PDB file of all heavy atoms in Angstrom:
ATOM      1  N   GLY A   1      -4.773  17.463-107.657  1.00  0.00           N
ATOM      2  CA  GLY A   1      -4.117  18.587-107.024  1.00  0.00           C
ATOM      3  C   GLY A   1      -4.594  18.829-105.633  1.00  0.00           C
ATOM      4  O   GLY A   1      -3.788  19.143-104.678  1.00  0.00           O
ATOM      5  N   ALA A   2      -5.959  18.646-105.410  1.00  0.00           N
ATOM      6  CA  ALA A   2      -6.483  18.834-104.071  1.00  0.00           C
ATOM      7  C   ALA A   2      -5.860  17.788-103.069  1.00  0.00           C
ATOM      8  O   ALA A   2      -5.559  18.043-101.878  1.00  0.00           O
ATOM      9  CB  ALA A   2      -7.975  18.813-104.025  1.00  0.00           C
ATOM     10  N   LYS A   3      -5.775  16.520-103.554  1.00  0.00           N
ATOM     11  CA  LYS A   3      -5.295  15.527-102.670  1.00  0.00           C
ATOM     12  C   LYS A   3      -3.821  15.830-102.303  1.00  0.00           C
ATOM     13  O   LYS A   3      -3.382  15.568-101.165  1.00  0.00           O
ATOM     14  CB  LYS A   3      -5.348  14.195-103.405  1.00  0.00           C
ATOM     15  CG  LYS A   3      -6.758  13.655-103.567  1.00  0.00           C
ATOM     16  CD  LYS A   3      -6.767  12.304-104.285  1.00  0.00           C
ATOM     17  CE  LYS A   3      -8.199  11.772-104.423  1.00  0.00           C
ATOM     18  NZ  LYS A   3      -8.241  10.508-105.164  1.00  0.00           N
ATOM     19  N   ALA A   4      -3.057  16.299-103.187  1.00  0.00           N
ATOM     20  CA  ALA A   4      -1.670  16.570-102.944  1.00  0.00           C
ATOM     21  C   ALA A   4      -1.570  17.661-101.921  1.00  0.00           C
ATOM     22  O   ALA A   4      -0.701  17.702-101.018  1.00  0.00           O
ATOM     23  CB  ALA A   4      -0.940  16.989-104.229  1.00  0.00           C
ATOM     24  N   ALA A   5      -2.381  18.748-102.036  1.00  0.00           N
ATOM     25  CA  ALA A   5      -2.382  19.821-101.011  1.00  0.00           C
ATOM     26  C   ALA A   5      -2.732  19.347 -99.607  1.00  0.00           C
ATOM     27  O   ALA A   5      -2.065  19.743 -98.612  1.00  0.00           O
ATOM     28  CB  ALA A   5      -3.358  20.893-101.500  1.00  0.00           C
ATOM     29  N   ILE A   6      -3.732  18.516 -99.558  1.00  0.00           N
ATOM     30  CA  ILE A   6      -4.181  17.982 -98.226  1.00  0.00           C
ATOM     31  C   ILE A   6      -3.038  17.129 -97.653  1.00  0.00           C
ATOM     32  O   ILE A   6      -2.747  17.241 -96.481  1.00  0.00           O
ATOM     33  CB  ILE A   6      -5.429  17.207 -98.333  1.00  0.00           C
ATOM     34  CG1 ILE A   6      -6.580  18.096 -98.723  1.00  0.00           C
ATOM     35  CG2 ILE A   6      -5.744  16.440 -97.094  1.00  0.00           C
ATOM     36  CD1 ILE A   6      -7.883  17.398 -99.048  1.00  0.00           C
ATOM     37  N   ALA A   7      -2.383  16.333 -98.375  1.00  0.00           N
ATOM     38  CA  ALA A   7      -1.316  15.462 -97.876  1.00  0.00           C
ATOM     39  C   ALA A   7      -0.138  16.330 -97.324  1.00  0.00           C
ATOM     40  O   ALA A   7       0.411  16.026 -96.314  1.00  0.00           O
ATOM     41  CB  ALA A   7      -0.802  14.567 -99.000  1.00  0.00           C
ATOM     42  N   ALA A   8       0.146  17.364 -98.075  1.00  0.00           N
ATOM     43  CA  ALA A   8       1.251  18.291 -97.594  1.00  0.00           C
ATOM     44  C   ALA A   8       0.862  18.902 -96.245  1.00  0.00           C
ATOM     45  O   ALA A   8       1.739  18.994 -95.349  1.00  0.00           O
ATOM     46  CB  ALA A   8       1.524  19.325 -98.645  1.00  0.00           C
ATOM     47  N   ALA A   9      -0.391  19.348 -96.091  1.00  0.00           N
ATOM     48  CA  ALA A   9      -0.799  19.953 -94.814  1.00  0.00           C
ATOM     49  C   ALA A   9      -0.829  18.974 -93.710  1.00  0.00           C
ATOM     50  O   ALA A   9      -0.343  19.345 -92.558  1.00  0.00           O
ATOM     51  CB  ALA A   9      -2.312  20.523 -94.988  1.00  0.00           C
ATOM     52  N   VAL A  10      -1.115  17.762 -93.924  1.00  0.00           N
ATOM     53  CA  VAL A  10      -1.070  16.714 -92.851  1.00  0.00           C
ATOM     54  C   VAL A  10       0.344  16.480 -92.474  1.00  0.00           C
ATOM     55  O   VAL A  10       0.670  16.427 -91.207  1.00  0.00           O
ATOM     56  CB  VAL A  10      -1.738  15.407 -93.337  1.00  0.00           C
ATOM     57  CG1 VAL A  10      -1.427  14.282 -92.392  1.00  0.00           C
ATOM     58  CG2 VAL A  10      -3.176  15.576 -93.473  1.00  0.00           C
ATOM     59  N   VAL A  11       1.272  16.469 -93.303  1.00  0.00           N
ATOM     60  CA  VAL A  11       2.661  16.281 -93.058  1.00  0.00           C
ATOM     61  C   VAL A  11       3.249  17.434 -92.162  1.00  0.00           C
ATOM     62  O   VAL A  11       3.930  17.185 -91.175  1.00  0.00           O
ATOM     63  CB  VAL A  11       3.527  16.138 -94.292  1.00  0.00           C
ATOM     64  CG1 VAL A  11       5.028  16.196 -93.988  1.00  0.00           C
ATOM     65  CG2 VAL A  11       3.172  14.836 -95.031  1.00  0.00           C
ATOM     66  N   ILE A  12       2.817  18.619 -92.436  1.00  0.00           N
ATOM     67  CA  ILE A  12       3.197  19.812 -91.729  1.00  0.00           C
ATOM     68  C   ILE A  12       2.713  19.727 -90.295  1.00  0.00           C
ATOM     69  O   ILE A  12       3.410  20.065 -89.354  1.00  0.00           O
ATOM     70  CB  ILE A  12       2.800  21.094 -92.433  1.00  0.00           C
ATOM     71  CG1 ILE A  12       3.596  21.260 -93.756  1.00  0.00           C
ATOM     72  CG2 ILE A  12       3.033  22.314 -91.587  1.00  0.00           C
ATOM     73  CD1 ILE A  12       3.040  22.395 -94.636  1.00  0.00           C
ATOM     74  N   VAL A  13       1.417  19.424 -90.179  1.00  0.00           N
ATOM     75  CA  VAL A  13       0.772  19.331 -88.802  1.00  0.00           C
ATOM     76  C   VAL A  13       1.486  18.255 -87.935  1.00  0.00           C
ATOM     77  O   VAL A  13       1.778  18.458 -86.786  1.00  0.00           O
ATOM     78  CB  VAL A  13      -0.664  19.052 -88.949  1.00  0.00           C
ATOM     79  CG1 VAL A  13      -1.289  18.704 -87.569  1.00  0.00           C
ATOM     80  CG2 VAL A  13      -1.397  20.250 -89.573  1.00  0.00           C
ATOM     81  N   LEU A  14       1.675  17.103 -88.613  1.00  0.00           N
ATOM     82  CA  LEU A  14       2.318  15.932 -87.807  1.00  0.00           C
ATOM     83  C   LEU A  14       3.731  16.369 -87.374  1.00  0.00           C
ATOM     84  O   LEU A  14       4.201  16.096 -86.278  1.00  0.00           O
ATOM     85  CB  LEU A  14       2.371  14.769 -88.666  1.00  0.00           C
ATOM     86  CG  LEU A  14       1.019  14.052 -88.941  1.00  0.00           C
ATOM     87  CD1 LEU A  14       1.198  12.869 -89.892  1.00  0.00           C
ATOM     88  CD2 LEU A  14       0.425  13.586 -87.628  1.00  0.00           C
ATOM     89  N   ALA A  15       4.416  17.063 -88.327  1.00  0.00           N
ATOM     90  CA  ALA A  15       5.765  17.570 -87.942  1.00  0.00           C
ATOM     91  C   ALA A  15       5.718  18.561 -86.813  1.00  0.00           C
ATOM     92  O   ALA A  15       6.590  18.496 -85.844  1.00  0.00           O
ATOM     93  CB  ALA A  15       6.494  18.159 -89.138  1.00  0.00           C
ATOM     94  N   ALA A  16       4.765  19.392 -86.827  1.00  0.00           N
ATOM     95  CA  ALA A  16       4.703  20.394 -85.739  1.00  0.00           C
ATOM     96  C   ALA A  16       4.269  19.726 -84.467  1.00  0.00           C
ATOM     97  O   ALA A  16       4.866  20.061 -83.363  1.00  0.00           O
ATOM     98  CB  ALA A  16       3.637  21.439 -86.124  1.00  0.00           C
ATOM     99  N   GLY A  17       3.481  18.711 -84.438  1.00  0.00           N
ATOM    100  CA  GLY A  17       3.106  18.018 -83.288  1.00  0.00           C
ATOM    101  C   GLY A  17       4.296  17.307 -82.634  1.00  0.00           C
ATOM    102  O   GLY A  17       4.509  17.282 -81.441  1.00  0.00           O
ATOM    103  N   ALA A  18       5.072  16.702 -83.485  1.00  0.00           N
ATOM    104  CA  ALA A  18       6.258  15.986 -83.076  1.00  0.00           C
ATOM    105  C   ALA A  18       7.206  16.980 -82.434  1.00  0.00           C
ATOM    106  O   ALA A  18       7.836  16.673 -81.392  1.00  0.00           O
ATOM    107  CB  ALA A  18       6.931  15.231 -84.217  1.00  0.00           C
ATOM    108  N   GLY A  19       7.395  18.124 -83.021  1.00  0.00           N
ATOM    109  CA  GLY A  19       8.335  19.122 -82.402  1.00  0.00           C
ATOM    110  C   GLY A  19       7.847  19.544 -81.091  1.00  0.00           C
ATOM    111  O   GLY A  19       8.600  19.740 -80.189  1.00  0.00           O
ATOM    112  N   GLY A  20       6.579  19.679 -80.848  1.00  0.00           N
ATOM    113  CA  GLY A  20       5.923  20.080 -79.545  1.00  0.00           C
ATOM    114  C   GLY A  20       6.239  19.019 -78.565  1.00  0.00           C
ATOM    115  O   GLY A  20       6.604  19.312 -77.359  1.00  0.00           O
ATOM    116  N   ALA A  21       6.152  17.822 -78.864  1.00  0.00           N
ATOM    117  CA  ALA A  21       6.365  16.722 -77.918  1.00  0.00           C
ATOM    118  C   ALA A  21       7.854  16.671 -77.475  1.00  0.00           C
ATOM    119  O   ALA A  21       8.190  16.518 -76.343  1.00  0.00           O
ATOM    120  CB  ALA A  21       6.033  15.357 -78.584  1.00  0.00           C
ATOM    121  N   TYR A  22       8.743  16.919 -78.437  1.00  0.00           N
ATOM    122  CA  TYR A  22      10.151  16.984 -78.069  1.00  0.00           C
ATOM    123  C   TYR A  22      10.425  18.213 -77.175  1.00  0.00           C
ATOM    124  O   TYR A  22      11.181  18.117 -76.243  1.00  0.00           O
ATOM    125  CB  TYR A  22      11.025  17.087 -79.338  1.00  0.00           C
ATOM    126  CG  TYR A  22      11.190  15.760 -80.105  1.00  0.00           C
ATOM    127  CD1 TYR A  22      10.938  15.746 -81.473  1.00  0.00           C
ATOM    128  CD2 TYR A  22      11.613  14.619 -79.416  1.00  0.00           C
ATOM    129  CE1 TYR A  22      11.040  14.505 -82.172  1.00  0.00           C
ATOM    130  CE2 TYR A  22      11.722  13.456 -80.097  1.00  0.00           C
ATOM    131  CZ  TYR A  22      11.445  13.349 -81.472  1.00  0.00           C
ATOM    132  OH  TYR A  22      11.553  12.240 -82.145  1.00  0.00           O
ATOM    133  N   ALA A  23       9.787  19.360 -77.412  1.00  0.00           N
ATOM    134  CA  ALA A  23       9.887  20.485 -76.563  1.00  0.00           C
ATOM    135  C   ALA A  23       9.431  20.258 -75.099  1.00  0.00           C
ATOM    136  O   ALA A  23      10.059  20.643 -74.165  1.00  0.00           O
ATOM    137  CB  ALA A  23       9.179  21.682 -77.193  1.00  0.00           C
ATOM    138  N   ASP A  24       8.272  19.592 -74.937  1.00  0.00           N
ATOM    139  CA  ASP A  24       7.844  19.309 -73.572  1.00  0.00           C
ATOM    140  C   ASP A  24       8.742  18.415 -72.842  1.00  0.00           C
ATOM    141  O   ASP A  24       9.051  18.600 -71.626  1.00  0.00           O
ATOM    142  CB  ASP A  24       6.385  18.653 -73.692  1.00  0.00           C
ATOM    143  CG  ASP A  24       5.328  19.625 -74.097  1.00  0.00           C
ATOM    144  OD1 ASP A  24       5.602  20.821 -74.042  1.00  0.00           O
ATOM    145  OD2 ASP A  24       4.259  19.179 -74.557  1.00  0.00           O
ATOM    146  N   SER A  25       9.278  17.412 -73.414  1.00  0.00           N
ATOM    147  CA  SER A  25      10.200  16.505 -72.818  1.00  0.00           C
ATOM    148  C   SER A  25      11.450  17.218 -72.322  1.00  0.00           C
ATOM    149  O   SER A  25      11.956  17.038 -71.216  1.00  0.00           O
ATOM    150  CB  SER A  25      10.543  15.372 -73.773  1.00  0.00           C
ATOM    151  OG  SER A  25      11.554  14.497 -73.234  1.00  0.00           O
TER     152      SER A  25
END
């Protein structure tokens, strides 16, 4: 269960980072 929670958080962070990159461009 802990591993699943951590994986979900990583996906959310990566998605947010990608959105920021698109916004800067």
